[in-house]
Amino acid sequence: MEEKTDIAKKHLIQRALVDSGMHEQNLTIGDDVLRDIILSYTRESGVRQLERTINKLCSKAARELVEN
């Protein structure tokens, strides 16, 4: 759990924000949200599904930002 959280904070979130064209000011993923994502949406020992889920979250947030 702690390793996935560290990897997500240091690498996955930053990459997903850049890929979706957003900045850290547009979307902040808190520790409690990240913990819920890890516990509820990822069942594997690696971080591939976590990366997909974070990418999906950033894409939806970018779409909402553009539409509104």
PDB file of N, CA and C in Angstrom:
ATOM      1  N   MET A   1       0.823  -1.190   0.000  1.00  0.00           N
ATOM      2  CA  MET A   1       0.000   0.000   0.000  1.00  0.00           C
ATOM      3  C   MET A   1       0.871   1.260   0.000  1.00  0.00           C
ATOM      4  N   GLU A   2       1.851   1.316   0.879  1.00  0.00           N
ATOM      5  CA  GLU A   2       2.723   2.491   0.956  1.00  0.00           C
ATOM      6  C   GLU A   2       3.569   2.645  -0.306  1.00  0.00           C
ATOM      7  N   GLU A   3       4.027   1.527  -0.852  1.00  0.00           N
ATOM      8  CA  GLU A   3       4.840   1.586  -2.069  1.00  0.00           C
ATOM      9  C   GLU A   3       4.014   2.101  -3.241  1.00  0.00           C
ATOM     10  N   LYS A   4       2.786   1.630  -3.363  1.00  0.00           N
ATOM     11  CA  LYS A   4       1.920   2.096  -4.445  1.00  0.00           C
ATOM     12  C   LYS A   4       1.613   3.580  -4.293  1.00  0.00           C
ATOM     13  N   THR A   5       1.394   4.019  -3.068  1.00  0.00           N
ATOM     14  CA  THR A   5       1.123   5.432  -2.817  1.00  0.00           C
ATOM     15  C   THR A   5       2.322   6.281  -3.214  1.00  0.00           C
ATOM     16  N   ASP A   6       3.502   5.855  -2.839  1.00  0.00           N
ATOM     17  CA  ASP A   6       4.721   6.599  -3.191  1.00  0.00           C
ATOM     18  C   ASP A   6       4.930   6.655  -4.706  1.00  0.00           C
ATOM     19  N   ILE A   7       4.740   5.525  -5.373  1.00  0.00           N
ATOM     20  CA  ILE A   7       4.903   5.485  -6.824  1.00  0.00           C
ATOM     21  C   ILE A   7       3.884   6.391  -7.494  1.00  0.00           C
ATOM     22  N   ALA A   8       2.660   6.363  -7.022  1.00  0.00           N
ATOM     23  CA  ALA A   8       1.616   7.203  -7.609  1.00  0.00           C
ATOM     24  C   ALA A   8       1.937   8.680  -7.420  1.00  0.00           C
ATOM     25  N   LYS A   9       2.364   9.057  -6.233  1.00  0.00           N
ATOM     26  CA  LYS A   9       2.668  10.460  -5.961  1.00  0.00           C
ATOM     27  C   LYS A   9       3.865  10.956  -6.763  1.00  0.00           C
ATOM     28  N   LYS A  10       4.896  10.135  -6.852  1.00  0.00           N
ATOM     29  CA  LYS A  10       6.133  10.576  -7.488  1.00  0.00           C
ATOM     30  C   LYS A  10       6.101  10.485  -9.009  1.00  0.00           C
ATOM     31  N   HIS A  11       5.334   9.539  -9.550  1.00  0.00           N
ATOM     32  CA  HIS A  11       5.428   9.290 -10.982  1.00  0.00           C
ATOM     33  C   HIS A  11       4.082   9.295 -11.712  1.00  0.00           C
ATOM     34  N   LEU A  12       3.141   8.477 -11.252  1.00  0.00           N
ATOM     35  CA  LEU A  12       1.935   8.227 -12.024  1.00  0.00           C
ATOM     36  C   LEU A  12       1.039   9.456 -12.155  1.00  0.00           C
ATOM     37  N   ILE A  13       0.851  10.186 -11.077  1.00  0.00           N
ATOM     38  CA  ILE A  13      -0.032  11.356 -11.121  1.00  0.00           C
ATOM     39  C   ILE A  13       0.567  12.434 -12.011  1.00  0.00           C
ATOM     40  N   GLN A  14       1.858  12.668 -11.884  1.00  0.00           N
ATOM     41  CA  GLN A  14       2.508  13.687 -12.709  1.00  0.00           C
ATOM     42  C   GLN A  14       2.395  13.343 -14.188  1.00  0.00           C
ATOM     43  N   ARG A  15       2.641  12.096 -14.525  1.00  0.00           N
ATOM     44  CA  ARG A  15       2.568  11.656 -15.919  1.00  0.00           C
ATOM     45  C   ARG A  15       1.139  11.766 -16.451  1.00  0.00           C
ATOM     46  N   ALA A  16       0.161  11.397 -15.633  1.00  0.00           N
ATOM     47  CA  ALA A  16      -1.235  11.469 -16.069  1.00  0.00           C
ATOM     48  C   ALA A  16      -1.676  12.911 -16.278  1.00  0.00           C
ATOM     49  N   LEU A  17      -1.219  13.807 -15.432  1.00  0.00           N
ATOM     50  CA  LEU A  17      -1.562  15.220 -15.602  1.00  0.00           C
ATOM     51  C   LEU A  17      -0.978  15.774 -16.898  1.00  0.00           C
ATOM     52  N   VAL A  18       0.264  15.442 -17.180  1.00  0.00           N
ATOM     53  CA  VAL A  18       0.899  15.912 -18.411  1.00  0.00           C
ATOM     54  C   VAL A  18       0.190  15.313 -19.626  1.00  0.00           C
ATOM     55  N   ASP A  19      -0.119  14.038 -19.574  1.00  0.00           N
ATOM     56  CA  ASP A  19      -0.779  13.376 -20.704  1.00  0.00           C
ATOM     57  C   ASP A  19      -2.159  13.949 -20.984  1.00  0.00           C
ATOM     58  N   SER A  20      -2.847  14.398 -19.944  1.00  0.00           N
ATOM     59  CA  SER A  20      -4.191  14.946 -20.133  1.00  0.00           C
ATOM     60  C   SER A  20      -4.170  16.456 -20.373  1.00  0.00           C
ATOM     61  N   GLY A  21      -2.988  17.057 -20.327  1.00  0.00           N
ATOM     62  CA  GLY A  21      -2.862  18.482 -20.597  1.00  0.00           C
ATOM     63  C   GLY A  21      -3.248  19.366 -19.431  1.00  0.00           C
ATOM     64  N   MET A  22      -3.174  18.830 -18.242  1.00  0.00           N
ATOM     65  CA  MET A  22      -3.564  19.590 -17.058  1.00  0.00           C
ATOM     66  C   MET A  22      -2.336  19.947 -16.228  1.00  0.00           C
ATOM     67  N   HIS A  23      -2.554  20.825 -15.262  1.00  0.00           N
ATOM     68  CA  HIS A  23      -1.514  21.219 -14.323  1.00  0.00           C
ATOM     69  C   HIS A  23      -1.949  20.825 -12.919  1.00  0.00           C
ATOM     70  N   GLU A  24      -1.016  20.836 -12.004  1.00  0.00           N
ATOM     71  CA  GLU A  24      -1.332  20.480 -10.620  1.00  0.00           C
ATOM     72  C   GLU A  24      -2.344  21.435 -10.007  1.00  0.00           C
ATOM     73  N   GLN A  25      -2.437  22.656 -10.522  1.00  0.00           N
ATOM     74  CA  GLN A  25      -3.400  23.609  -9.992  1.00  0.00           C
ATOM     75  C   GLN A  25      -4.823  23.215 -10.371  1.00  0.00           C
ATOM     76  N   ASN A  26      -4.992  22.467 -11.464  1.00  0.00           N
ATOM     77  CA  ASN A  26      -6.309  22.071 -11.934  1.00  0.00           C
ATOM     78  C   ASN A  26      -6.861  20.865 -11.202  1.00  0.00           C
ATOM     79  N   LEU A  27      -6.006  19.979 -10.762  1.00  0.00           N
ATOM     80  CA  LEU A  27      -6.454  18.742 -10.127  1.00  0.00           C
ATOM     81  C   LEU A  27      -5.475  18.334  -9.044  1.00  0.00           C
ATOM     82  N   THR A  28      -5.995  18.117  -7.873  1.00  0.00           N
ATOM     83  CA  THR A  28      -5.191  17.624  -6.764  1.00  0.00           C
ATOM     84  C   THR A  28      -5.818  16.332  -6.267  1.00  0.00           C
ATOM     85  N   ILE A  29      -5.031  15.287  -6.203  1.00  0.00           N
ATOM     86  CA  ILE A  29      -5.495  13.999  -5.697  1.00  0.00           C
ATOM     87  C   ILE A  29      -4.913  13.836  -4.304  1.00  0.00           C
ATOM     88  N   GLY A  30      -5.767  13.880  -3.313  1.00  0.00           N
ATOM     89  CA  GLY A  30      -5.331  13.785  -1.923  1.00  0.00           C
ATOM     90  C   GLY A  30      -4.964  12.368  -1.526  1.00  0.00           C
ATOM     91  N   ASP A  31      -4.325  12.259  -0.373  1.00  0.00           N
ATOM     92  CA  ASP A  31      -3.898  10.947   0.120  1.00  0.00           C
ATOM     93  C   ASP A  31      -5.077  10.023   0.371  1.00  0.00           C
ATOM     94  N   ASP A  32      -6.165  10.556   0.908  1.00  0.00           N
ATOM     95  CA  ASP A  32      -7.329   9.717   1.191  1.00  0.00           C
ATOM     96  C   ASP A  32      -7.978   9.208  -0.091  1.00  0.00           C
ATOM     97  N   VAL A  33      -8.016  10.033  -1.117  1.00  0.00           N
ATOM     98  CA  VAL A  33      -8.561   9.610  -2.410  1.00  0.00           C
ATOM     99  C   VAL A  33      -7.658   8.562  -3.041  1.00  0.00           C
ATOM    100  N   LEU A  34      -6.376   8.790  -2.984  1.00  0.00           N
ATOM    101  CA  LEU A  34      -5.418   7.835  -3.530  1.00  0.00           C
ATOM    102  C   LEU A  34      -5.516   6.493  -2.807  1.00  0.00           C
ATOM    103  N   ARG A  35      -5.672   6.530  -1.509  1.00  0.00           N
ATOM    104  CA  ARG A  35      -5.823   5.303  -0.716  1.00  0.00           C
ATOM    105  C   ARG A  35      -7.098   4.558  -1.124  1.00  0.00           C
ATOM    106  N   ASP A  36      -8.191   5.298  -1.327  1.00  0.00           N
ATOM    107  CA  ASP A  36      -9.446   4.671  -1.755  1.00  0.00           C
ATOM    108  C   ASP A  36      -9.320   4.045  -3.137  1.00  0.00           C
ATOM    109  N   ILE A  37      -8.627   4.721  -4.036  1.00  0.00           N
ATOM    110  CA  ILE A  37      -8.413   4.173  -5.379  1.00  0.00           C
ATOM    111  C   ILE A  37      -7.623   2.874  -5.291  1.00  0.00           C
ATOM    112  N   ILE A  38      -6.575   2.877  -4.505  1.00  0.00           N
ATOM    113  CA  ILE A  38      -5.729   1.681  -4.374  1.00  0.00           C
ATOM    114  C   ILE A  38      -6.521   0.523  -3.773  1.00  0.00           C
ATOM    115  N   LEU A  39      -7.300   0.795  -2.740  1.00  0.00           N
ATOM    116  CA  LEU A  39      -8.037  -0.280  -2.074  1.00  0.00           C
ATOM    117  C   LEU A  39      -9.241  -0.767  -2.868  1.00  0.00           C
ATOM    118  N   SER A  40      -9.912   0.136  -3.567  1.00  0.00           N
ATOM    119  CA  SER A  40     -11.168  -0.230  -4.217  1.00  0.00           C
ATOM    120  C   SER A  40     -11.028  -0.632  -5.681  1.00  0.00           C
ATOM    121  N   TYR A  41     -10.073  -0.064  -6.393  1.00  0.00           N
ATOM    122  CA  TYR A  41     -10.026  -0.248  -7.841  1.00  0.00           C
ATOM    123  C   TYR A  41      -8.827  -1.027  -8.345  1.00  0.00           C
ATOM    124  N   THR A  42      -7.888  -1.353  -7.489  1.00  0.00           N
ATOM    125  CA  THR A  42      -6.725  -2.119  -7.936  1.00  0.00           C
ATOM    126  C   THR A  42      -6.627  -3.387  -7.100  1.00  0.00           C
ATOM    127  N   ARG A  43      -6.527  -4.500  -7.777  1.00  0.00           N
ATOM    128  CA  ARG A  43      -6.471  -5.783  -7.091  1.00  0.00           C
ATOM    129  C   ARG A  43      -5.159  -6.527  -7.346  1.00  0.00           C
ATOM    130  N   GLU A  44      -4.290  -5.933  -8.138  1.00  0.00           N
ATOM    131  CA  GLU A  44      -3.047  -6.600  -8.488  1.00  0.00           C
ATOM    132  C   GLU A  44      -1.899  -6.098  -7.620  1.00  0.00           C
ATOM    133  N   SER A  45      -0.797  -6.828  -7.656  1.00  0.00           N
ATOM    134  CA  SER A  45       0.347  -6.415  -6.855  1.00  0.00           C
ATOM    135  C   SER A  45       1.136  -5.288  -7.510  1.00  0.00           C
ATOM    136  N   GLY A  46       1.017  -5.131  -8.825  1.00  0.00           N
ATOM    137  CA  GLY A  46       1.729  -4.077  -9.544  1.00  0.00           C
ATOM    138  C   GLY A  46       0.936  -2.784  -9.571  1.00  0.00           C
ATOM    139  N   VAL A  47       1.356  -1.876 -10.448  1.00  0.00           N
ATOM    140  CA  VAL A  47       0.704  -0.566 -10.502  1.00  0.00           C
ATOM    141  C   VAL A  47       0.067  -0.270 -11.862  1.00  0.00           C
ATOM    142  N   ARG A  48      -0.057  -1.254 -12.730  1.00  0.00           N
ATOM    143  CA  ARG A  48      -0.643  -0.994 -14.049  1.00  0.00           C
ATOM    144  C   ARG A  48      -2.091  -0.551 -13.961  1.00  0.00           C
ATOM    145  N   GLN A  49      -2.898  -1.260 -13.187  1.00  0.00           N
ATOM    146  CA  GLN A  49      -4.302  -0.878 -13.047  1.00  0.00           C
ATOM    147  C   GLN A  49      -4.424   0.456 -12.326  1.00  0.00           C
ATOM    148  N   LEU A  50      -3.567   0.709 -11.375  1.00  0.00           N
ATOM    149  CA  LEU A  50      -3.556   2.000 -10.686  1.00  0.00           C
ATOM    150  C   LEU A  50      -3.256   3.121 -11.673  1.00  0.00           C
ATOM    151  N   GLU A  51      -2.292   2.897 -12.560  1.00  0.00           N
ATOM    152  CA  GLU A  51      -1.961   3.898 -13.568  1.00  0.00           C
ATOM    153  C   GLU A  51      -3.146   4.148 -14.496  1.00  0.00           C
ATOM    154  N   ARG A  52      -3.822   3.093 -14.915  1.00  0.00           N
ATOM    155  CA  ARG A  52      -4.993   3.248 -15.786  1.00  0.00           C
ATOM    156  C   ARG A  52      -6.096   4.040 -15.087  1.00  0.00           C
ATOM    157  N   THR A  53      -6.323   3.756 -13.834  1.00  0.00           N
ATOM    158  CA  THR A  53      -7.375   4.437 -13.079  1.00  0.00           C
ATOM    159  C   THR A  53      -7.043   5.913 -12.899  1.00  0.00           C
ATOM    160  N   ILE A  54      -5.811   6.228 -12.589  1.00  0.00           N
ATOM    161  CA  ILE A  54      -5.393   7.627 -12.437  1.00  0.00           C
ATOM    162  C   ILE A  54      -5.491   8.354 -13.772  1.00  0.00           C
ATOM    163  N   ASN A  55      -5.099   7.692 -14.860  1.00  0.00           N
ATOM    164  CA  ASN A  55      -5.224   8.301 -16.190  1.00  0.00           C
ATOM    165  C   ASN A  55      -6.677   8.587 -16.526  1.00  0.00           C
ATOM    166  N   LYS A  56      -7.559   7.664 -16.204  1.00  0.00           N
ATOM    167  CA  LYS A  56      -8.980   7.854 -16.469  1.00  0.00           C
ATOM    168  C   LYS A  56      -9.526   9.023 -15.651  1.00  0.00           C
ATOM    169  N   LEU A  57      -9.121   9.117 -14.407  1.00  0.00           N
ATOM    170  CA  LEU A  57      -9.561  10.210 -13.538  1.00  0.00           C
ATOM    171  C   LEU A  57      -9.095  11.561 -14.078  1.00  0.00           C
ATOM    172  N   CYS A  58      -7.852  11.638 -14.502  1.00  0.00           N
ATOM    173  CA  CYS A  58      -7.324  12.890 -15.056  1.00  0.00           C
ATOM    174  C   CYS A  58      -7.998  13.255 -16.369  1.00  0.00           C
ATOM    175  N   SER A  59      -8.278  12.275 -17.196  1.00  0.00           N
ATOM    176  CA  SER A  59      -8.958  12.541 -18.458  1.00  0.00           C
ATOM    177  C   SER A  59     -10.366  13.075 -18.234  1.00  0.00           C
ATOM    178  N   LYS A  60     -11.075  12.487 -17.293  1.00  0.00           N
ATOM    179  CA  LYS A  60     -12.429  12.963 -16.983  1.00  0.00           C
ATOM    180  C   LYS A  60     -12.395  14.370 -16.411  1.00  0.00           C
ATOM    181  N   ALA A  61     -11.424  14.652 -15.566  1.00  0.00           N
ATOM    182  CA  ALA A  61     -11.304  15.990 -14.992  1.00  0.00           C
ATOM    183  C   ALA A  61     -10.965  17.012 -16.079  1.00  0.00           C
ATOM    184  N   ALA A  62     -10.101  16.651 -17.012  1.00  0.00           N
ATOM    185  CA  ALA A  62      -9.749  17.555 -18.113  1.00  0.00           C
ATOM    186  C   ALA A  62     -10.970  17.840 -18.986  1.00  0.00           C
ATOM    187  N   ARG A  63     -11.751  16.809 -19.253  1.00  0.00           N
ATOM    188  CA  ARG A  63     -12.959  16.981 -20.056  1.00  0.00           C
ATOM    189  C   ARG A  63     -13.949  17.907 -19.355  1.00  0.00           C
ATOM    190  N   GLU A  64     -14.122  17.724 -18.059  1.00  0.00           N
ATOM    191  CA  GLU A  64     -15.007  18.601 -17.278  1.00  0.00           C
ATOM    192  C   GLU A  64     -14.511  20.040 -17.305  1.00  0.00           C
ATOM    193  N   LEU A  65     -13.222  20.231 -17.195  1.00  0.00           N
ATOM    194  CA  LEU A  65     -12.638  21.564 -17.197  1.00  0.00           C
ATOM    195  C   LEU A  65     -12.872  22.254 -18.541  1.00  0.00           C
ATOM    196  N   VAL A  66     -12.740  21.519 -19.626  1.00  0.00           N
ATOM    197  CA  VAL A  66     -12.937  22.098 -20.954  1.00  0.00           C
ATOM    198  C   VAL A  66     -14.413  22.387 -21.202  1.00  0.00           C
ATOM    199  N   GLU A  67     -15.281  21.486 -20.778  1.00  0.00           N
ATOM    200  CA  GLU A  67     -16.706  21.678 -21.022  1.00  0.00           C
ATOM    201  C   GLU A  67     -17.296  22.811 -20.196  1.00  0.00           C
ATOM    202  N   ASN A  68     -16.759  23.040 -19.037  1.00  0.00           N
ATOM    203  CA  ASN A  68     -17.284  24.102 -18.170  1.00  0.00           C
ATOM    204  C   ASN A  68     -16.368  25.264 -18.282  1.00  0.00           C
TER     205      ASN A  68
END
